[in-house]
Amino acid sequence: MKYQDFVDSAEKVFAAAGHYNGHEGPGTPTAEIGGYRIPVEYSGLLYKPDLFDQYLTKVISAVA
């Protein structure tokens, strides 16, 4: 029970961060670009550099 306060606090922060700009999350991994959090269903792109680069290009052009 030594760390119970820390665990409780961390759970509250995690729950509060759950819905940001209309997106579910956070999870692991979580990536945010220009204030836009990559939707959970696209998080697999983070492990495929060529696909992530294409997605990142589209997001940057949409945000700009």
Protein backbone atom coordinates (compact mmCIF):
# COMPACT_ATOMS: atom_id res chain seq x y z
CA MET A 1 0.00 0.00 0.00
CA LYS A 2 3.09 2.22 0.03
CA TYR A 3 2.36 3.53 -3.50
CA GLN A 4 -1.45 3.53 -3.39
CA ASP A 5 -1.73 7.33 -3.59
CA PHE A 6 0.55 7.39 -6.63
CA VAL A 7 -1.43 4.63 -8.37
CA ASP A 8 -4.75 6.35 -7.65
CA SER A 9 -3.42 9.66 -8.95
CA ALA A 10 -1.98 8.06 -12.10
CA GLU A 11 -5.28 6.29 -12.83
CA LYS A 12 -7.19 9.58 -12.54
CA VAL A 13 -4.80 11.35 -14.93
CA PHE A 14 -4.97 8.45 -17.38
CA ALA A 15 -8.78 8.42 -17.30
CA ALA A 16 -8.96 12.20 -17.77
CA ALA A 17 -6.73 11.97 -20.86
CA GLY A 18 -8.97 9.31 -22.38
CA HIS A 19 -10.88 11.54 -24.80
CA TYR A 20 -8.89 14.29 -26.43
CA ASN A 21 -10.09 16.20 -29.50
CA GLY A 22 -12.73 13.51 -30.03
CA HIS A 23 -10.24 10.64 -30.13
CA GLU A 24 -10.06 7.68 -27.81
CA GLY A 25 -6.89 7.01 -25.97
CA PRO A 26 -4.37 7.25 -24.64
CA GLY A 27 -2.81 3.93 -25.18
CA THR A 28 0.53 2.54 -26.04
CA PRO A 29 1.71 3.72 -28.39
CA THR A 30 0.15 7.17 -28.58
CA ALA A 31 1.35 9.74 -31.08
CA GLU A 32 0.19 13.30 -31.45
CA ILE A 33 1.09 15.55 -34.37
CA GLY A 34 0.21 19.23 -34.39
CA GLY A 35 -2.41 18.74 -31.70
CA TYR A 36 -3.98 15.80 -33.55
CA ARG A 37 -3.76 12.43 -31.83
CA ILE A 38 -3.41 9.51 -34.23
CA PRO A 39 -6.54 7.36 -33.82
CA VAL A 40 -6.01 4.06 -32.01
CA GLU A 41 -7.01 2.06 -35.09
CA TYR A 42 -4.06 3.59 -36.98
CA SER A 43 -1.45 3.11 -34.23
CA GLY A 44 0.00 0.10 -36.05
CA LEU A 45 1.40 2.56 -38.60
CA LEU A 46 3.96 3.61 -36.02
CA TYR A 47 5.74 0.30 -36.61
CA LYS A 48 5.82 0.57 -40.41
CA PRO A 49 8.08 3.49 -41.36
CA ASP A 50 7.02 3.73 -45.02
CA LEU A 51 3.29 3.74 -44.20
CA PHE A 52 3.77 6.09 -41.24
CA ASP A 53 5.65 8.52 -43.48
CA GLN A 54 2.72 8.55 -45.93
CA TYR A 55 0.21 9.05 -43.12
CA LEU A 56 2.33 11.76 -41.53
CA THR A 57 2.52 13.63 -44.83
CA LYS A 58 -1.28 13.57 -45.12
CA VAL A 59 -1.80 14.71 -41.53
CA ILE A 60 0.68 17.56 -41.84
CA SER A 61 -0.93 18.80 -45.04
CA ALA A 62 -4.38 18.60 -43.45
CA VAL A 63 -3.27 20.48 -40.33
CA ALA A 64 -1.30 23.15 -42.21
